[in-house]
N, C-alpha and C. Protein backbone atom coordinates (compact mmCIF):
# COMPACT_ATOMS: atom_id res chain seq x y z
N MET A 1 16.42 9.51 115.92
CA MET A 1 17.73 9.61 115.39
C MET A 1 18.50 8.33 115.68
N ASN A 2 19.12 7.78 114.69
CA ASN A 2 19.92 6.58 114.89
C ASN A 2 21.37 6.89 114.57
N TYR A 3 22.24 6.49 115.45
CA TYR A 3 23.66 6.67 115.23
C TYR A 3 24.30 5.31 115.09
N VAL A 4 25.15 5.15 114.09
CA VAL A 4 25.84 3.89 113.88
C VAL A 4 27.33 4.14 114.08
N LEU A 5 27.91 3.37 114.97
CA LEU A 5 29.34 3.47 115.22
C LEU A 5 30.01 2.22 114.66
N ASP A 6 30.88 2.41 113.69
CA ASP A 6 31.56 1.28 113.10
C ASP A 6 32.68 0.77 114.00
N ASP A 7 33.28 1.64 114.76
CA ASP A 7 34.41 1.28 115.59
C ASP A 7 33.93 1.02 117.02
N LYS A 8 33.97 -0.21 117.44
CA LYS A 8 33.48 -0.57 118.78
C LYS A 8 34.32 0.04 119.89
N THR A 9 35.56 0.43 119.58
CA THR A 9 36.39 1.05 120.62
C THR A 9 35.83 2.39 121.05
N VAL A 10 35.08 3.03 120.16
CA VAL A 10 34.45 4.30 120.53
C VAL A 10 33.47 4.07 121.67
N CYS A 11 32.67 3.03 121.56
CA CYS A 11 31.70 2.73 122.61
C CYS A 11 32.39 2.42 123.93
N HIS A 12 33.41 1.60 123.88
CA HIS A 12 34.13 1.24 125.10
C HIS A 12 34.77 2.47 125.72
N GLY A 13 35.35 3.31 124.90
CA GLY A 13 35.98 4.54 125.41
C GLY A 13 34.96 5.49 126.00
N ALA A 14 33.82 5.61 125.35
CA ALA A 14 32.78 6.50 125.85
C ALA A 14 32.25 6.02 127.19
N VAL A 15 32.06 4.72 127.32
CA VAL A 15 31.57 4.17 128.59
C VAL A 15 32.60 4.39 129.69
N LYS A 16 33.87 4.17 129.38
CA LYS A 16 34.92 4.38 130.39
C LYS A 16 34.99 5.84 130.81
N GLU A 17 34.84 6.76 129.86
CA GLU A 17 34.94 8.19 130.16
C GLU A 17 33.71 8.74 130.87
N MET A 18 32.53 8.28 130.48
CA MET A 18 31.30 8.89 130.97
C MET A 18 30.46 7.99 131.85
N GLY A 19 30.89 6.77 132.08
CA GLY A 19 30.11 5.83 132.87
C GLY A 19 29.79 6.33 134.26
N ASP A 20 30.78 6.95 134.92
CA ASP A 20 30.56 7.43 136.28
C ASP A 20 29.59 8.60 136.34
N ILE A 21 29.36 9.23 135.21
CA ILE A 21 28.40 10.34 135.13
C ILE A 21 27.02 9.82 134.73
N ILE A 22 26.99 8.94 133.76
CA ILE A 22 25.73 8.47 133.18
C ILE A 22 24.99 7.50 134.11
N LEU A 23 25.71 6.58 134.73
CA LEU A 23 25.05 5.57 135.55
C LEU A 23 24.24 6.15 136.71
N PRO A 24 24.77 7.11 137.48
CA PRO A 24 23.93 7.69 138.53
C PRO A 24 22.68 8.39 137.99
N VAL A 25 22.81 9.03 136.83
CA VAL A 25 21.66 9.70 136.23
C VAL A 25 20.60 8.66 135.84
N LEU A 26 21.03 7.58 135.23
CA LEU A 26 20.08 6.52 134.87
C LEU A 26 19.44 5.91 136.11
N ALA A 27 20.24 5.69 137.15
CA ALA A 27 19.71 5.10 138.38
C ALA A 27 18.67 6.02 139.03
N ASP A 28 18.87 7.34 138.92
CA ASP A 28 17.94 8.28 139.53
C ASP A 28 16.74 8.60 138.65
N SER A 29 16.81 8.23 137.38
CA SER A 29 15.71 8.57 136.49
C SER A 29 15.04 7.32 135.92
N VAL A 30 15.57 6.79 134.85
CA VAL A 30 14.93 5.68 134.14
C VAL A 30 14.80 4.43 135.02
N PHE A 31 15.79 4.16 135.84
CA PHE A 31 15.75 2.96 136.68
C PHE A 31 15.27 3.21 138.09
N SER A 32 14.75 4.42 138.33
CA SER A 32 14.20 4.67 139.66
C SER A 32 12.94 3.82 139.83
N PRO A 33 12.65 3.37 141.04
CA PRO A 33 11.47 2.50 141.24
C PRO A 33 10.17 3.13 140.74
N ASP A 34 9.96 4.41 141.02
CA ASP A 34 8.70 5.04 140.61
C ASP A 34 8.55 5.08 139.09
N TYR A 35 9.60 5.53 138.40
CA TYR A 35 9.53 5.63 136.95
C TYR A 35 9.42 4.25 136.32
N PHE A 36 10.28 3.34 136.72
CA PHE A 36 10.30 2.01 136.13
C PHE A 36 8.97 1.29 136.33
N CYS A 37 8.43 1.40 137.52
CA CYS A 37 7.15 0.75 137.83
C CYS A 37 6.02 1.30 136.96
N GLY A 38 5.97 2.61 136.84
CA GLY A 38 4.87 3.24 136.10
C GLY A 38 5.03 3.20 134.60
N GLU A 39 6.21 3.53 134.10
CA GLU A 39 6.39 3.67 132.65
C GLU A 39 6.80 2.38 131.96
N VAL A 40 7.58 1.56 132.60
CA VAL A 40 8.06 0.34 131.96
C VAL A 40 7.14 -0.83 132.24
N LEU A 41 6.81 -1.04 133.50
CA LEU A 41 5.98 -2.17 133.87
C LEU A 41 4.49 -1.88 133.78
N GLY A 42 4.12 -0.60 133.91
CA GLY A 42 2.72 -0.21 133.82
C GLY A 42 1.89 -0.57 135.04
N TYR A 43 2.53 -0.79 136.18
CA TYR A 43 1.81 -1.18 137.39
C TYR A 43 1.38 0.00 138.25
N CYS A 44 2.17 1.03 138.25
CA CYS A 44 1.88 2.17 139.13
C CYS A 44 1.05 3.20 138.38
N SER A 45 0.34 4.01 139.11
CA SER A 45 -0.55 4.97 138.47
C SER A 45 0.13 6.31 138.17
N GLU A 46 1.34 6.51 138.68
CA GLU A 46 2.01 7.78 138.41
C GLU A 46 2.36 7.89 136.94
N SER A 47 2.19 9.09 136.42
CA SER A 47 2.50 9.34 135.02
C SER A 47 3.62 10.36 134.94
N TYR A 48 4.50 10.19 133.98
CA TYR A 48 5.63 11.09 133.81
C TYR A 48 5.54 11.76 132.46
N TYR A 49 5.97 13.01 132.43
CA TYR A 49 6.06 13.73 131.17
C TYR A 49 7.39 13.36 130.53
N VAL A 50 7.34 12.90 129.31
CA VAL A 50 8.55 12.55 128.58
C VAL A 50 8.82 13.66 127.58
N PHE A 51 9.98 14.25 127.68
CA PHE A 51 10.38 15.36 126.82
C PHE A 51 11.08 14.80 125.59
N TYR A 52 10.54 15.09 124.43
CA TYR A 52 11.15 14.68 123.18
C TYR A 52 11.77 15.91 122.53
N ALA A 53 13.08 16.00 122.61
CA ALA A 53 13.79 17.19 122.13
C ALA A 53 13.54 17.45 120.65
N GLU A 54 13.49 16.41 119.85
CA GLU A 54 13.29 16.59 118.42
C GLU A 54 11.93 17.24 118.12
N ASP A 55 10.90 16.85 118.84
CA ASP A 55 9.58 17.47 118.66
C ASP A 55 9.63 18.94 119.02
N TRP A 56 10.32 19.26 120.12
CA TRP A 56 10.43 20.66 120.55
C TRP A 56 11.18 21.48 119.50
N VAL A 57 12.26 20.94 118.97
CA VAL A 57 13.04 21.65 117.94
C VAL A 57 12.18 21.87 116.71
N ASN A 58 11.44 20.86 116.29
CA ASN A 58 10.58 21.02 115.11
C ASN A 58 9.53 22.11 115.32
N GLN A 59 8.94 22.17 116.50
CA GLN A 59 7.97 23.22 116.81
C GLN A 59 8.63 24.59 116.77
N LEU A 60 9.83 24.68 117.32
CA LEU A 60 10.56 25.94 117.33
C LEU A 60 10.91 26.39 115.91
N LEU A 61 11.34 25.46 115.08
CA LEU A 61 11.73 25.80 113.71
C LEU A 61 10.55 26.27 112.87
N LYS A 62 9.34 25.84 113.22
CA LYS A 62 8.15 26.30 112.49
C LYS A 62 7.96 27.81 112.65
N THR A 63 8.48 28.38 113.73
CA THR A 63 8.32 29.81 113.98
C THR A 63 9.47 30.63 113.41
N LYS A 64 10.39 29.99 112.72
CA LYS A 64 11.56 30.67 112.16
C LYS A 64 11.12 31.63 111.06
N PRO A 65 11.56 32.89 111.11
CA PRO A 65 11.18 33.86 110.08
C PRO A 65 11.66 33.44 108.69
N ALA A 66 10.95 33.86 107.66
CA ALA A 66 11.25 33.45 106.29
C ALA A 66 12.67 33.84 105.86
N TYR A 67 13.14 35.00 106.29
CA TYR A 67 14.47 35.43 105.86
C TYR A 67 15.59 34.60 106.47
N LEU A 68 15.26 33.77 107.44
CA LEU A 68 16.24 32.87 108.03
C LEU A 68 16.04 31.42 107.61
N ALA A 69 15.00 31.17 106.85
CA ALA A 69 14.59 29.79 106.56
C ALA A 69 15.64 28.96 105.85
N ASP A 70 16.45 29.57 105.00
CA ASP A 70 17.42 28.79 104.25
C ASP A 70 18.77 28.64 104.96
N ASN A 71 18.86 29.12 106.20
CA ASN A 71 20.08 29.03 106.99
C ASN A 71 21.28 29.68 106.30
N ASN A 72 21.00 30.67 105.49
CA ASN A 72 22.06 31.34 104.73
C ASN A 72 22.15 32.81 105.10
N TYR A 73 21.62 33.19 106.22
CA TYR A 73 21.51 34.59 106.62
C TYR A 73 22.88 35.27 106.69
N VAL A 74 23.83 34.66 107.37
CA VAL A 74 25.15 35.28 107.52
C VAL A 74 25.86 35.35 106.18
N ASN A 75 25.77 34.30 105.39
CA ASN A 75 26.39 34.33 104.06
C ASN A 75 25.80 35.46 103.21
N ASN A 76 24.50 35.67 103.31
CA ASN A 76 23.86 36.76 102.57
C ASN A 76 24.36 38.12 103.04
N LEU A 77 24.60 38.27 104.33
CA LEU A 77 25.15 39.52 104.84
C LEU A 77 26.52 39.79 104.22
N TYR A 78 27.37 38.77 104.18
CA TYR A 78 28.69 38.95 103.58
C TYR A 78 28.60 39.26 102.10
N GLU A 79 27.66 38.65 101.39
CA GLU A 79 27.48 38.97 99.98
C GLU A 79 27.05 40.41 99.80
N ASP A 80 26.15 40.90 100.65
CA ASP A 80 25.72 42.30 100.58
C ASP A 80 26.89 43.25 100.85
N ILE A 81 27.71 42.91 101.80
CA ILE A 81 28.89 43.74 102.12
C ILE A 81 29.85 43.75 100.95
N ALA A 82 30.05 42.61 100.31
CA ALA A 82 30.97 42.52 99.17
C ALA A 82 30.46 43.34 97.99
N LYS A 83 29.14 43.38 97.80
CA LYS A 83 28.57 44.14 96.70
C LYS A 83 28.63 45.64 96.95
N ASN A 84 28.48 46.04 98.21
CA ASN A 84 28.43 47.46 98.57
C ASN A 84 29.48 47.75 99.66
N PRO A 85 30.75 47.77 99.28
CA PRO A 85 31.79 47.96 100.31
C PRO A 85 31.73 49.28 100.95
């Protein structure tokens, strides 16, 4: 997924608002010595499982029942109610 922000002030504002939350998380995960050494530099033998949310969502959506497939389930309920009050 790619997001394009035309207004650079959004980025600056987001960093100011969330920087104190995001930076410690990055320091403890992506920039931790173990992860960085193994996954980025390829020197260490430890392997990490990388969770790709989009892949998980796609797998989950494959199991969606046919009557929900068009994402119109609630609208169809209202149409049925309108037809048979």
